[in-house]
Amino acid sequence: MSKKRKKLGPKGDINVTPFIDILLVLLVIFMTITPLVQKGLDAAIPQPPPPGTPPPDPSEANKTIVVSLNKAGDIKVNSEEVELRALGAKLQDIFKTRNDRTMFVNGDPDLLYKDVATVIDIGKGAGVDKIGLMTEQIKGK
């Protein structure tokens, strides 16, 4: 009886243990990095003027565009009432000759977010570069 010899040639099996180790290390790295990535909207919070600053000129008041929304859904541009479908055209007329394309949105606190977002979208579509959201003034202690 003769013993059969096994051939010691190359194996067709792949050792997957190192690949699994690398995969787990990458998984842990991405899990720890993901919460550190910041997402969101950059917001510039308006600051009150320093004490002793003179009040602005009345002619400066016409430069600020404030779009107001109330509970009933009425929209006003600086006190002039405008319908929602005509708001884009109105804002385009206002901002076509201006260098400063800044608009403020003052929404009633009881409004849904989608109503305010619609006005913001219309403003962006009309060519407004910066849109600020007006909120209640927090009273000091």
N, C-alpha and C. Protein backbone atom coordinates (compact mmCIF):
# COMPACT_ATOMS: atom_id res chain seq x y z
N MET A 1 0.82 -1.16 0.00
CA MET A 1 0.00 0.00 0.00
C MET A 1 0.87 1.24 0.00
N SER A 2 0.57 2.01 -0.91
CA SER A 2 1.34 3.24 -0.96
C SER A 2 0.45 4.42 -0.54
N LYS A 3 1.07 5.33 0.14
CA LYS A 3 0.35 6.53 0.57
C LYS A 3 0.23 7.50 -0.59
N LYS A 4 -0.91 8.06 -0.70
CA LYS A 4 -1.08 9.08 -1.74
C LYS A 4 -0.57 10.41 -1.20
N ARG A 5 0.21 11.03 -1.99
CA ARG A 5 0.75 12.33 -1.59
C ARG A 5 -0.17 13.45 -2.05
N LYS A 6 -0.36 14.41 -1.18
CA LYS A 6 -1.15 15.58 -1.55
C LYS A 6 -0.24 16.58 -2.25
N LYS A 7 -0.82 17.22 -3.21
CA LYS A 7 -0.05 18.26 -3.88
C LYS A 7 -0.03 19.51 -3.01
N LEU A 8 1.08 20.14 -2.90
CA LEU A 8 1.20 21.37 -2.13
C LEU A 8 1.26 22.56 -3.09
N GLY A 9 0.26 22.76 -3.84
CA GLY A 9 0.21 23.87 -4.79
C GLY A 9 -0.56 25.05 -4.21
N PRO A 10 -0.84 26.02 -5.03
CA PRO A 10 -1.58 27.19 -4.56
C PRO A 10 -3.02 26.82 -4.20
N LYS A 11 -3.52 27.51 -3.17
CA LYS A 11 -4.88 27.27 -2.70
C LYS A 11 -5.84 28.19 -3.45
N GLY A 12 -7.03 27.75 -3.62
CA GLY A 12 -8.05 28.56 -4.25
C GLY A 12 -8.90 29.33 -3.24
N ASP A 13 -8.71 29.10 -1.97
CA ASP A 13 -9.49 29.77 -0.94
C ASP A 13 -8.86 31.11 -0.59
N ILE A 14 -9.71 32.08 -0.27
CA ILE A 14 -9.23 33.39 0.16
C ILE A 14 -9.45 33.50 1.65
N ASN A 15 -8.45 33.98 2.34
CA ASN A 15 -8.58 34.18 3.78
C ASN A 15 -9.26 35.54 3.98
N VAL A 16 -10.52 35.55 4.42
CA VAL A 16 -11.30 36.78 4.54
C VAL A 16 -11.17 37.45 5.90
N THR A 17 -10.50 36.83 6.81
CA THR A 17 -10.36 37.41 8.15
C THR A 17 -9.69 38.79 8.12
N PRO A 18 -8.60 39.01 7.40
CA PRO A 18 -8.03 40.37 7.36
C PRO A 18 -8.97 41.40 6.74
N PHE A 19 -9.74 40.98 5.73
CA PHE A 19 -10.68 41.90 5.10
C PHE A 19 -11.79 42.31 6.09
N ILE A 20 -12.25 41.39 6.87
CA ILE A 20 -13.29 41.69 7.87
C ILE A 20 -12.73 42.62 8.93
N ASP A 21 -11.47 42.42 9.34
CA ASP A 21 -10.84 43.31 10.32
C ASP A 21 -10.75 44.74 9.78
N ILE A 22 -10.34 44.87 8.53
CA ILE A 22 -10.23 46.20 7.92
C ILE A 22 -11.61 46.84 7.80
N LEU A 23 -12.60 46.05 7.41
CA LEU A 23 -13.97 46.56 7.29
C LEU A 23 -14.49 47.07 8.62
N LEU A 24 -14.25 46.35 9.68
CA LEU A 24 -14.72 46.78 11.01
C LEU A 24 -14.00 48.05 11.48
N VAL A 25 -12.72 48.15 11.19
CA VAL A 25 -11.98 49.37 11.56
C VAL A 25 -12.54 50.57 10.80
N LEU A 26 -12.79 50.41 9.50
CA LEU A 26 -13.37 51.51 8.72
C LEU A 26 -14.77 51.87 9.21
N LEU A 27 -15.55 50.88 9.58
CA LEU A 27 -16.89 51.13 10.11
C LEU A 27 -16.83 51.95 11.38
N VAL A 28 -15.93 51.61 12.28
CA VAL A 28 -15.78 52.36 13.53
C VAL A 28 -15.31 53.79 13.24
N ILE A 29 -14.40 53.96 12.31
CA ILE A 29 -13.91 55.31 11.98
C ILE A 29 -15.05 56.17 11.43
N PHE A 30 -15.83 55.64 10.49
CA PHE A 30 -16.93 56.43 9.93
C PHE A 30 -18.03 56.69 10.95
N MET A 31 -18.25 55.76 11.85
CA MET A 31 -19.27 55.98 12.88
C MET A 31 -18.85 57.08 13.85
N THR A 32 -17.57 57.23 14.11
CA THR A 32 -17.13 58.28 15.03
C THR A 32 -17.02 59.62 14.33
N ILE A 33 -16.75 59.64 13.03
CA ILE A 33 -16.60 60.91 12.31
C ILE A 33 -17.96 61.51 11.95
N THR A 34 -18.95 60.69 11.64
CA THR A 34 -20.24 61.18 11.15
C THR A 34 -20.92 62.17 12.09
N PRO A 35 -20.98 61.97 13.40
CA PRO A 35 -21.63 62.98 14.24
C PRO A 35 -20.89 64.31 14.28
N LEU A 36 -19.63 64.34 13.91
CA LEU A 36 -18.87 65.58 13.95
C LEU A 36 -19.12 66.46 12.74
N VAL A 37 -19.64 65.90 11.67
CA VAL A 37 -19.92 66.67 10.47
C VAL A 37 -21.16 67.53 10.72
N GLN A 38 -20.99 68.84 10.58
CA GLN A 38 -22.10 69.75 10.86
C GLN A 38 -22.94 69.94 9.61
N LYS A 39 -24.23 69.92 9.82
CA LYS A 39 -25.17 70.16 8.74
C LYS A 39 -26.10 71.27 9.18
N GLY A 40 -26.60 72.02 8.24
CA GLY A 40 -27.58 73.03 8.60
C GLY A 40 -27.41 74.28 7.78
N LEU A 41 -28.12 75.27 8.20
CA LEU A 41 -28.16 76.54 7.50
C LEU A 41 -27.33 77.55 8.28
N ASP A 42 -26.44 78.24 7.58
CA ASP A 42 -25.67 79.29 8.23
C ASP A 42 -26.59 80.48 8.49
N ALA A 43 -26.60 80.92 9.71
CA ALA A 43 -27.49 82.02 10.08
C ALA A 43 -26.68 83.13 10.73
N ALA A 44 -26.89 84.32 10.28
CA ALA A 44 -26.27 85.48 10.89
C ALA A 44 -27.31 86.14 11.79
N ILE A 45 -27.01 86.19 13.06
CA ILE A 45 -27.95 86.76 14.03
C ILE A 45 -27.73 88.26 14.10
N PRO A 46 -28.78 89.04 13.91
CA PRO A 46 -28.60 90.49 13.97
C PRO A 46 -28.27 90.94 15.39
N GLN A 47 -27.36 91.86 15.47
CA GLN A 47 -26.94 92.39 16.76
C GLN A 47 -27.55 93.77 16.97
N PRO A 48 -27.88 94.11 18.21
CA PRO A 48 -28.42 95.46 18.45
C PRO A 48 -27.32 96.49 18.24
N PRO A 49 -27.71 97.71 17.87
CA PRO A 49 -26.68 98.74 17.66
C PRO A 49 -26.03 99.11 19.00
N PRO A 50 -24.77 99.50 18.95
CA PRO A 50 -24.11 99.89 20.19
C PRO A 50 -24.76 101.12 20.81
N PRO A 51 -24.66 101.26 22.15
CA PRO A 51 -25.28 102.43 22.80
C PRO A 51 -24.67 103.73 22.28
N GLY A 52 -25.50 104.72 22.12
CA GLY A 52 -25.02 106.03 21.67
C GLY A 52 -25.04 106.17 20.16
N THR A 53 -25.52 105.17 19.45
CA THR A 53 -25.60 105.25 17.99
C THR A 53 -26.82 106.08 17.62
N PRO A 54 -26.66 107.05 16.73
CA PRO A 54 -27.82 107.86 16.34
C PRO A 54 -28.82 107.00 15.58
N PRO A 55 -30.11 107.34 15.67
CA PRO A 55 -31.13 106.57 14.94
C PRO A 55 -30.92 106.72 13.44
N PRO A 56 -31.33 105.74 12.66
CA PRO A 56 -31.13 105.82 11.21
C PRO A 56 -32.00 106.90 10.58
N ASP A 57 -31.56 107.38 9.44
CA ASP A 57 -32.31 108.39 8.69
C ASP A 57 -33.61 107.80 8.19
N PRO A 58 -34.65 108.61 8.04
CA PRO A 58 -35.91 108.10 7.48
C PRO A 58 -35.74 107.57 6.06
N SER A 59 -34.78 108.13 5.31
CA SER A 59 -34.57 107.64 3.95
C SER A 59 -34.00 106.22 3.96
N GLU A 60 -33.30 105.84 5.04
CA GLU A 60 -32.76 104.50 5.17
C GLU A 60 -33.87 103.48 5.40
N ALA A 61 -35.00 103.90 5.95
CA ALA A 61 -36.10 102.98 6.24
C ALA A 61 -36.67 102.39 4.95
N ASN A 62 -36.60 103.15 3.86
CA ASN A 62 -37.12 102.65 2.59
C ASN A 62 -36.21 101.59 1.97
N LYS A 63 -34.97 101.50 2.43
CA LYS A 63 -34.05 100.52 1.88
C LYS A 63 -34.29 99.13 2.46
N THR A 64 -34.86 99.04 3.63
CA THR A 64 -35.11 97.75 4.26
C THR A 64 -36.44 97.20 3.75
N ILE A 65 -36.38 95.98 3.25
CA ILE A 65 -37.59 95.32 2.74
C ILE A 65 -38.00 94.26 3.76
N VAL A 66 -39.22 94.40 4.29
CA VAL A 66 -39.75 93.45 5.26
C VAL A 66 -41.02 92.85 4.68
N VAL A 67 -41.03 91.54 4.55
CA VAL A 67 -42.22 90.83 4.09
C VAL A 67 -42.87 90.24 5.32
N SER A 68 -44.10 90.68 5.62
CA SER A 68 -44.81 90.24 6.82
C SER A 68 -45.93 89.27 6.45
N LEU A 69 -46.09 88.25 7.28
CA LEU A 69 -47.17 87.28 7.12
C LEU A 69 -47.95 87.23 8.42
N ASN A 70 -49.28 87.32 8.34
CA ASN A 70 -50.07 87.21 9.56
C ASN A 70 -50.82 85.88 9.58
N LYS A 71 -51.58 85.64 10.63
CA LYS A 71 -52.29 84.37 10.80
C LYS A 71 -53.27 84.08 9.66
N ALA A 72 -53.88 85.12 9.13
CA ALA A 72 -54.89 84.95 8.09
C ALA A 72 -54.28 84.63 6.73
N GLY A 73 -52.96 84.73 6.62
CA GLY A 73 -52.30 84.44 5.35
C GLY A 73 -52.09 85.67 4.49
N ASP A 74 -52.35 86.86 5.06
CA ASP A 74 -52.12 88.10 4.32
C ASP A 74 -50.63 88.39 4.28
N ILE A 75 -50.15 88.83 3.13
CA ILE A 75 -48.73 89.14 2.95
C ILE A 75 -48.60 90.63 2.67
N LYS A 76 -47.66 91.25 3.37
CA LYS A 76 -47.40 92.67 3.17
C LYS A 76 -45.92 92.86 2.90
N VAL A 77 -45.62 93.72 1.94
CA VAL A 77 -44.24 94.12 1.67
C VAL A 77 -44.12 95.55 2.16
N ASN A 78 -43.48 95.73 3.29
CA ASN A 78 -43.31 97.03 3.96
C ASN A 78 -44.65 97.70 4.25
N SER A 79 -45.72 97.18 4.42
CA SER A 79 -47.05 97.72 4.71
C SER A 79 -47.94 97.78 3.48
N GLU A 80 -47.43 97.40 2.32
CA GLU A 80 -48.26 97.33 1.12
C GLU A 80 -48.71 95.88 0.93
N GLU A 81 -50.02 95.67 0.92
CA GLU A 81 -50.53 94.30 0.84
C GLU A 81 -50.34 93.75 -0.58
N VAL A 82 -49.87 92.49 -0.62
CA VAL A 82 -49.58 91.83 -1.89
C VAL A 82 -50.13 90.41 -1.82
N GLU A 83 -50.64 89.91 -2.94
CA GLU A 83 -51.08 88.52 -2.99
C GLU A 83 -49.87 87.62 -3.19
N LEU A 84 -50.01 86.36 -2.78
CA LEU A 84 -48.90 85.41 -2.85
C LEU A 84 -48.42 85.22 -4.28
N ARG A 85 -49.33 85.12 -5.23
CA ARG A 85 -48.92 84.87 -6.62
C ARG A 85 -48.24 86.09 -7.24
N ALA A 86 -48.46 87.29 -6.70
CA ALA A 86 -47.84 88.50 -7.24
C ALA A 86 -46.59 88.90 -6.44
N LEU A 87 -46.27 88.13 -5.41
CA LEU A 87 -45.13 88.50 -4.55
C LEU A 87 -43.81 88.44 -5.31
N GLY A 88 -43.60 87.42 -6.13
CA GLY A 88 -42.35 87.29 -6.88
C GLY A 88 -42.12 88.47 -7.81
N ALA A 89 -43.14 88.86 -8.53
CA ALA A 89 -43.02 90.00 -9.45
C ALA A 89 -42.76 91.30 -8.69
N LYS A 90 -43.42 91.46 -7.55
CA LYS A 90 -43.23 92.66 -6.73
C LYS A 90 -41.79 92.75 -6.23
N LEU A 91 -41.26 91.61 -5.73
CA LEU A 91 -39.89 91.60 -5.24
C LEU A 91 -38.89 91.82 -6.37
N GLN A 92 -39.15 91.28 -7.54
CA GLN A 92 -38.26 91.52 -8.68
C GLN A 92 -38.23 93.00 -9.04
N ASP A 93 -39.40 93.66 -9.01
CA ASP A 93 -39.45 95.10 -9.30
C ASP A 93 -38.66 95.89 -8.27
N ILE A 94 -38.77 95.49 -7.01
CA ILE A 94 -38.07 96.22 -5.95
C ILE A 94 -36.56 96.05 -6.07
N PHE A 95 -36.10 94.80 -6.32
CA PHE A 95 -34.67 94.51 -6.25
C PHE A 95 -33.94 94.63 -7.58
N LYS A 96 -34.63 95.01 -8.67
CA LYS A 96 -33.93 95.09 -9.95
C LYS A 96 -32.96 96.26 -10.01
N THR A 97 -33.18 97.31 -9.23
CA THR A 97 -32.28 98.47 -9.25
C THR A 97 -31.43 98.58 -8.00
N ARG A 98 -31.51 97.63 -7.10
CA ARG A 98 -30.78 97.71 -5.84
C ARG A 98 -29.49 96.90 -5.89
N ASN A 99 -28.48 97.41 -5.22
CA ASN A 99 -27.25 96.65 -5.03
C ASN A 99 -27.36 95.74 -3.83
N ASP A 100 -28.00 96.22 -2.77
CA ASP A 100 -28.18 95.43 -1.55
C ASP A 100 -29.46 94.61 -1.69
N ARG A 101 -29.31 93.33 -1.91
CA ARG A 101 -30.47 92.45 -2.12
C ARG A 101 -30.74 91.67 -0.84
N THR A 102 -31.19 92.40 0.19
CA THR A 102 -31.49 91.80 1.48
C THR A 102 -32.97 91.99 1.79
N MET A 103 -33.59 90.93 2.28
CA MET A 103 -35.01 90.96 2.61
C MET A 103 -35.18 90.32 3.98
N PHE A 104 -36.12 90.81 4.75
CA PHE A 104 -36.43 90.23 6.06
C PHE A 104 -37.85 89.67 6.01
N VAL A 105 -38.04 88.53 6.64
CA VAL A 105 -39.35 87.89 6.69
C VAL A 105 -39.82 87.92 8.14
N ASN A 106 -41.00 88.49 8.37
CA ASN A 106 -41.58 88.56 9.70
C ASN A 106 -42.88 87.76 9.68
N GLY A 107 -42.81 86.54 10.20
CA GLY A 107 -43.98 85.68 10.20
C GLY A 107 -44.61 85.59 11.57
N ASP A 108 -45.91 85.45 11.60
CA ASP A 108 -46.63 85.27 12.85
C ASP A 108 -46.17 83.96 13.50
N PRO A 109 -45.99 83.93 14.82
CA PRO A 109 -45.52 82.70 15.48
C PRO A 109 -46.46 81.51 15.31
N ASP A 110 -47.73 81.75 15.02
CA ASP A 110 -48.68 80.65 14.87
C ASP A 110 -48.73 80.07 13.46
N LEU A 111 -47.96 80.64 12.54
CA LEU A 111 -47.94 80.14 11.16
C LEU A 111 -47.20 78.82 11.07
N LEU A 112 -47.55 78.04 10.08
CA LEU A 112 -46.81 76.82 9.79
C LEU A 112 -45.49 77.19 9.11
N TYR A 113 -44.51 76.33 9.28
CA TYR A 113 -43.19 76.58 8.69
C TYR A 113 -43.27 76.63 7.16
N LYS A 114 -44.13 75.83 6.57
CA LYS A 114 -44.21 75.78 5.11
C LYS A 114 -44.65 77.12 4.52
N ASP A 115 -45.46 77.88 5.26
CA ASP A 115 -45.90 79.19 4.76
C ASP A 115 -44.72 80.16 4.69
N VAL A 116 -43.90 80.15 5.72
CA VAL A 116 -42.72 81.02 5.74
C VAL A 116 -41.71 80.54 4.70
N ALA A 117 -41.54 79.23 4.58
CA ALA A 117 -40.60 78.68 3.60
C ALA A 117 -41.03 79.02 2.17
N THR A 118 -42.32 79.08 1.91
CA THR A 118 -42.81 79.46 0.59
C THR A 118 -42.40 80.89 0.26
N VAL A 119 -42.53 81.78 1.22
CA VAL A 119 -42.13 83.18 1.00
C VAL A 119 -40.62 83.27 0.79
N ILE A 120 -39.86 82.49 1.53
CA ILE A 120 -38.40 82.50 1.35
C ILE A 120 -38.04 82.00 -0.04
N ASP A 121 -38.71 80.94 -0.51
CA ASP A 121 -38.45 80.41 -1.85
C ASP A 121 -38.80 81.43 -2.92
N ILE A 122 -39.89 82.13 -2.75
CA ILE A 122 -40.28 83.15 -3.73
C ILE A 122 -39.23 84.27 -3.74
N GLY A 123 -38.74 84.65 -2.55
CA GLY A 123 -37.70 85.67 -2.48
C GLY A 123 -36.43 85.25 -3.18
N LYS A 124 -36.01 84.01 -2.95
CA LYS A 124 -34.80 83.50 -3.63
C LYS A 124 -35.00 83.47 -5.14
N GLY A 125 -36.20 83.10 -5.56
CA GLY A 125 -36.51 83.07 -6.99
C GLY A 125 -36.54 84.46 -7.61
N ALA A 126 -36.82 85.47 -6.79
CA ALA A 126 -36.88 86.85 -7.29
C ALA A 126 -35.50 87.50 -7.31
N GLY A 127 -34.48 86.80 -6.86
CA GLY A 127 -33.12 87.34 -6.92
C GLY A 127 -32.62 87.93 -5.62
N VAL A 128 -33.26 87.64 -4.51
CA VAL A 128 -32.80 88.14 -3.21
C VAL A 128 -31.61 87.30 -2.76
N ASP A 129 -30.51 87.96 -2.39
CA ASP A 129 -29.30 87.25 -1.98
C ASP A 129 -29.35 86.81 -0.52
N LYS A 130 -29.77 87.71 0.35
CA LYS A 130 -29.79 87.41 1.78
C LYS A 130 -31.21 87.56 2.30
N ILE A 131 -31.63 86.57 3.08
CA ILE A 131 -32.97 86.62 3.68
C ILE A 131 -32.82 86.42 5.17
N GLY A 132 -33.32 87.38 5.94
CA GLY A 132 -33.25 87.30 7.39
C GLY A 132 -34.64 87.00 7.96
N LEU A 133 -34.65 86.27 9.05
CA LEU A 133 -35.90 85.95 9.71
C LEU A 133 -36.01 86.82 10.96
N MET A 134 -37.11 87.52 11.08
CA MET A 134 -37.34 88.39 12.24
C MET A 134 -38.08 87.59 13.30
N THR A 135 -37.64 87.75 14.54
CA THR A 135 -38.27 87.05 15.66
C THR A 135 -38.65 88.05 16.72
N GLU A 136 -39.28 87.56 17.76
CA GLU A 136 -39.62 88.43 18.89
C GLU A 136 -38.33 88.88 19.57
N GLN A 137 -38.36 90.07 20.10
CA GLN A 137 -37.23 90.54 20.86
C GLN A 137 -37.30 89.95 22.25
N ILE A 138 -36.20 89.37 22.70
CA ILE A 138 -36.14 88.79 24.03
C ILE A 138 -35.87 89.91 25.02
N LYS A 139 -36.74 90.04 26.01
CA LYS A 139 -36.60 91.11 26.97
C LYS A 139 -35.61 90.71 28.05
N GLY A 140 -34.75 91.65 28.43
CA GLY A 140 -33.74 91.39 29.46
C GLY A 140 -34.37 91.27 30.82
N LYS A 141 -33.60 90.76 31.76
CA LYS A 141 -34.10 90.56 33.11
C LYS A 141 -34.20 91.84 33.87
